[in-house]
Amino acid sequence: MEHILKSLFKTVRNHSKIKGKEIRKKVAPPKYDDTNQKLISQYNLEPSYSFTNGFSIKWRLKTEKNQHSFQGSINILPIEEVFGDWEEIVYFDFTEEHDRAKSFKIIDFFMPEACIGIFTDDENDNSLYYHDFEGEFYPLHLDMEGYINMLGLSYGTSGWQMAILIHQQGAFSKVIDDAFEKQMINLFPEFKLEEFIASYEEQRIEKGTVYKSPRE
């Protein structure tokens, strides 16, 4: 895990095409109680959090004039924030008492409109979920180790999680896949989307089901 994160930081820092890069690593050791220790084990969080208690990477790819400026974003939160209260962000005072959304904890708050997190209400569910803040929670079928491995391949490039979700559902979105693939090829000419998906399949776990939060 540590070597993947170090390689990720180094590549973003040194890549000649990546501009406007910002890399922040939290070096303070994580603080969590005995209750959260069970969740740490369940979601395989310890390998990444033992190296750094959260980190963020933001970058953009400078392109020719009038072309879209591609970007990437990762924002792995400190463990204390992950296990904090997400009221008014994930759920609200009108959320039903038994709504599973109340147990959702954000791990990667990579953009204001979407995030990656875990549910803490099911000891048999160790998948991370993609949440769009519209009531939908989609399992990535990745634990934390698998997620970090995929970050190491995608560098947080915009659209990588959606490419996986589209692949999961057997659907095809040429707009999303083409944009993600084009961006990756700009960075790494040898990149192939099918190889990226194959790497995902090697990391994939079968836990997790789509959850839709009921809204009034």
Protein backbone atom coordinates (compact mmCIF):
# COMPACT_ATOMS: atom_id res chain seq x y z
CA MET A 1 0.00 0.00 0.00
CA GLU A 2 2.75 2.44 0.95
CA HIS A 3 4.64 1.94 -2.31
CA ILE A 4 1.45 2.61 -4.32
CA LEU A 5 0.84 5.89 -2.51
CA LYS A 6 4.46 6.97 -2.84
CA SER A 7 4.37 6.20 -6.56
CA LEU A 8 1.11 8.14 -6.90
CA PHE A 9 2.56 11.22 -5.18
CA LYS A 10 5.77 11.03 -7.22
CA THR A 11 4.05 10.65 -10.57
CA VAL A 12 1.71 13.59 -10.04
CA ARG A 13 4.53 15.73 -8.68
CA ASN A 14 6.92 15.02 -11.55
CA HIS A 15 4.68 14.55 -14.59
CA SER A 16 5.52 17.20 -17.20
CA LYS A 17 1.95 17.53 -18.49
CA ILE A 18 0.29 17.93 -15.09
CA LYS A 19 -0.08 21.57 -14.09
CA GLY A 20 -1.54 23.36 -11.10
CA LYS A 21 -0.79 20.37 -8.90
CA GLU A 22 -1.49 20.42 -5.18
CA ILE A 23 -0.45 17.55 -2.93
CA ARG A 24 -1.12 17.46 0.80
CA LYS A 25 -0.39 14.57 3.14
CA LYS A 26 -1.53 14.31 6.76
CA VAL A 27 1.39 12.92 8.72
CA ALA A 28 -0.17 12.92 12.20
CA PRO A 29 -1.09 9.40 13.36
CA PRO A 30 -4.81 8.53 13.17
CA LYS A 31 -6.92 8.60 16.31
CA TYR A 32 -9.80 6.20 16.72
CA ASP A 33 -11.50 4.35 19.54
CA ASP A 34 -12.13 0.63 20.06
CA THR A 35 -15.55 0.83 18.37
CA ASN A 36 -14.05 2.20 15.18
CA GLN A 37 -11.23 -0.36 15.27
CA LYS A 38 -13.72 -3.02 14.14
CA LEU A 39 -14.67 -0.90 11.14
CA ILE A 40 -11.00 -0.24 10.39
CA SER A 41 -10.51 -3.99 10.04
CA GLN A 42 -13.78 -4.59 8.19
CA TYR A 43 -12.96 -2.15 5.41
CA ASN A 44 -9.21 -2.82 5.38
CA LEU A 45 -8.47 0.84 6.17
CA GLU A 46 -5.38 0.34 8.29
CA PRO A 47 -2.77 -0.22 5.51
CA SER A 48 -3.44 3.17 3.93
CA TYR A 49 -4.08 5.10 7.16
CA SER A 50 -0.95 3.75 8.81
CA PHE A 51 1.07 5.46 6.07
CA THR A 52 -0.81 8.77 6.11
CA ASN A 53 -3.87 9.91 8.02
CA GLY A 54 -5.56 11.18 4.88
CA PHE A 55 -4.20 13.02 1.85
CA SER A 56 -5.37 15.19 -1.01
CA ILE A 57 -4.19 15.57 -4.57
CA LYS A 58 -5.60 18.06 -7.06
CA TRP A 59 -4.24 18.61 -10.54
CA ARG A 60 -5.17 19.74 -14.02
CA LEU A 61 -3.84 18.86 -17.43
CA LYS A 62 -2.94 21.88 -19.51
CA THR A 63 -4.20 21.42 -23.05
CA GLU A 64 -4.11 23.41 -26.25
CA LYS A 65 -6.15 26.58 -26.51
CA ASN A 66 -9.93 26.12 -26.53
CA GLN A 67 -9.65 22.48 -25.50
CA HIS A 68 -11.14 21.08 -22.29
CA SER A 69 -8.77 21.25 -19.33
CA PHE A 70 -8.82 17.76 -17.80
CA GLN A 71 -8.34 17.35 -14.09
CA GLY A 72 -7.99 14.95 -11.22
CA SER A 73 -8.95 15.09 -7.56
CA ILE A 74 -8.45 12.87 -4.52
CA ASN A 75 -9.37 13.89 -0.98
CA ILE A 76 -8.94 11.02 1.47
CA LEU A 77 -10.15 12.43 4.79
CA PRO A 78 -8.42 11.96 8.16
CA ILE A 79 -9.91 9.03 10.02
CA GLU A 80 -11.33 11.33 12.71
CA GLU A 81 -13.42 13.11 10.05
CA VAL A 82 -14.50 9.84 8.43
CA PHE A 83 -16.06 8.65 11.68
CA GLY A 84 -17.53 12.06 12.48
CA ASP A 85 -21.14 13.20 12.08
CA TRP A 86 -22.32 13.68 8.45
CA GLU A 87 -25.66 15.29 9.24
CA GLU A 88 -26.56 18.14 6.83
CA ILE A 89 -24.21 16.63 4.24
CA VAL A 90 -25.27 12.99 3.76
CA TYR A 91 -28.52 13.03 5.76
CA PHE A 92 -30.77 15.67 7.30
CA ASP A 93 -33.16 16.22 10.18
CA PHE A 94 -36.05 14.99 7.99
CA THR A 95 -34.26 11.74 7.10
CA GLU A 96 -36.21 8.71 8.27
CA GLU A 97 -34.98 7.09 11.49
CA HIS A 98 -34.03 3.77 9.91
CA ASP A 99 -32.62 5.21 6.69
CA ARG A 100 -29.27 3.57 5.99
CA ALA A 101 -27.89 6.94 4.89
CA LYS A 102 -27.46 7.80 8.57
CA SER A 103 -24.69 5.20 8.84
CA PHE A 104 -22.79 6.43 5.78
CA LYS A 105 -19.29 7.82 6.36
CA ILE A 106 -17.35 9.70 3.69
CA ILE A 107 -13.75 8.61 2.99
CA ASP A 108 -12.87 10.30 -0.32
CA PHE A 109 -14.59 13.69 -0.65
CA PHE A 110 -13.08 14.24 -4.08
CA MET A 111 -15.63 16.77 -5.35
CA PRO A 112 -18.58 18.74 -3.90
CA GLU A 113 -21.09 16.80 -6.01
CA ALA A 114 -19.93 13.26 -5.23
CA CYS A 115 -17.92 11.21 -2.76
CA ILE A 116 -16.81 7.71 -1.82
CA GLY A 117 -17.66 6.23 1.56
CA ILE A 118 -18.73 3.25 3.66
CA PHE A 119 -21.81 2.09 5.53
CA THR A 120 -21.20 1.22 9.16
CA ASP A 121 -24.47 -0.65 9.77
CA ASP A 122 -23.61 -4.02 8.20
CA GLU A 123 -20.61 -6.04 9.33
CA ASN A 124 -20.88 -8.21 6.20
CA ASP A 125 -20.61 -5.30 3.78
CA ASN A 126 -17.02 -4.17 3.20
CA SER A 127 -17.53 -2.40 -0.12
CA LEU A 128 -16.91 1.29 -0.65
CA TYR A 129 -19.81 3.20 -2.24
CA TYR A 130 -20.11 6.06 -4.72
CA HIS A 131 -22.65 8.64 -3.51
CA ASP A 132 -24.02 11.44 -5.68
CA PHE A 133 -25.87 13.35 -2.91
CA GLU A 134 -29.15 12.66 -4.73
CA GLY A 135 -30.12 9.74 -2.53
CA GLU A 136 -28.29 7.05 -4.51
CA PHE A 137 -25.44 4.90 -3.16
CA TYR A 138 -23.65 2.67 -5.68
CA PRO A 139 -21.23 -0.08 -4.56
CA LEU A 140 -17.83 0.02 -6.22
CA HIS A 141 -17.20 -3.58 -5.11
CA LEU A 142 -13.82 -2.44 -3.80
CA ASP A 143 -12.49 -2.39 -0.25
CA MET A 144 -10.04 0.32 0.74
CA GLU A 145 -7.01 -1.59 -0.50
CA GLY A 146 -8.65 -2.12 -3.88
CA TYR A 147 -9.69 1.54 -4.01
CA ILE A 148 -6.15 2.75 -3.33
CA ASN A 149 -4.83 0.36 -5.97
CA MET A 150 -7.23 1.86 -8.51
CA LEU A 151 -6.25 5.38 -7.47
CA GLY A 152 -2.70 4.31 -8.21
CA LEU A 153 -3.77 3.46 -11.77
CA SER A 154 -6.12 6.42 -12.36
CA TYR A 155 -4.29 9.17 -10.42
CA GLY A 156 -7.71 10.46 -9.39
CA THR A 157 -8.53 11.33 -12.98
CA SER A 158 -12.05 12.72 -13.35
CA GLY A 159 -14.54 10.05 -14.36
CA TRP A 160 -12.68 6.93 -13.27
CA GLN A 161 -15.28 5.83 -10.74
CA MET A 162 -18.09 6.34 -13.27
CA ALA A 163 -16.22 4.25 -15.83
CA ILE A 164 -16.21 1.40 -13.30
CA LEU A 165 -19.90 1.81 -12.43
CA ILE A 166 -20.83 1.78 -16.12
CA HIS A 167 -18.77 -1.38 -16.59
CA GLN A 168 -20.48 -3.01 -13.58
CA GLN A 169 -23.95 -2.41 -14.95
CA GLY A 170 -23.10 -3.72 -18.39
CA ALA A 171 -24.01 -0.33 -19.78
CA PHE A 172 -22.06 1.78 -22.21
CA SER A 173 -21.57 5.52 -22.08
CA LYS A 174 -19.37 6.62 -24.93
CA VAL A 175 -19.26 10.19 -23.59
CA ILE A 176 -17.89 9.20 -20.16
CA ASP A 177 -15.62 6.42 -21.38
CA ASP A 178 -14.19 8.50 -24.22
CA ALA A 179 -13.53 11.49 -21.95
CA PHE A 180 -11.81 9.38 -19.28
CA GLU A 181 -9.79 7.36 -21.81
CA LYS A 182 -8.74 10.49 -23.72
CA GLN A 183 -7.59 12.14 -20.54
CA MET A 184 -5.56 9.11 -19.48
CA ILE A 185 -3.98 8.73 -22.92
CA ASN A 186 -2.94 12.39 -22.77
CA LEU A 187 -1.08 11.56 -19.58
CA PHE A 188 0.05 8.04 -20.46
CA PRO A 189 -0.03 7.24 -24.22
CA GLU A 190 0.12 3.49 -23.52
CA PHE A 191 -3.11 3.56 -21.45
CA LYS A 192 -5.88 1.17 -22.54
CA LEU A 193 -9.34 1.30 -20.97
CA GLU A 194 -9.82 -2.47 -21.26
CA GLU A 195 -6.63 -3.07 -19.25
CA PHE A 196 -7.82 -0.61 -16.60
CA ILE A 197 -11.12 -2.48 -16.30
CA ALA A 198 -9.26 -5.81 -16.16
CA SER A 199 -7.22 -4.46 -13.21
CA TYR A 200 -10.46 -3.46 -11.52
CA GLU A 201 -11.84 -6.98 -11.96
CA GLU A 202 -8.75 -8.35 -10.18
CA GLN A 203 -9.52 -6.11 -7.17
CA ARG A 204 -13.26 -6.61 -7.21
CA ILE A 205 -15.20 -8.04 -4.27
CA GLU A 206 -18.82 -9.11 -4.52
CA LYS A 207 -20.11 -7.34 -1.41
CA GLY A 208 -22.49 -4.40 -1.65
CA THR A 209 -25.81 -3.61 -3.32
CA VAL A 210 -27.26 -0.39 -4.71
CA TYR A 211 -29.09 1.57 -2.00
CA LYS A 212 -31.55 4.38 -2.61
CA SER A 213 -32.31 6.60 0.35
CA PRO A 214 -36.05 7.39 0.64
CA ARG A 215 -36.71 11.12 0.48
CA GLU A 216 -39.79 13.08 1.41
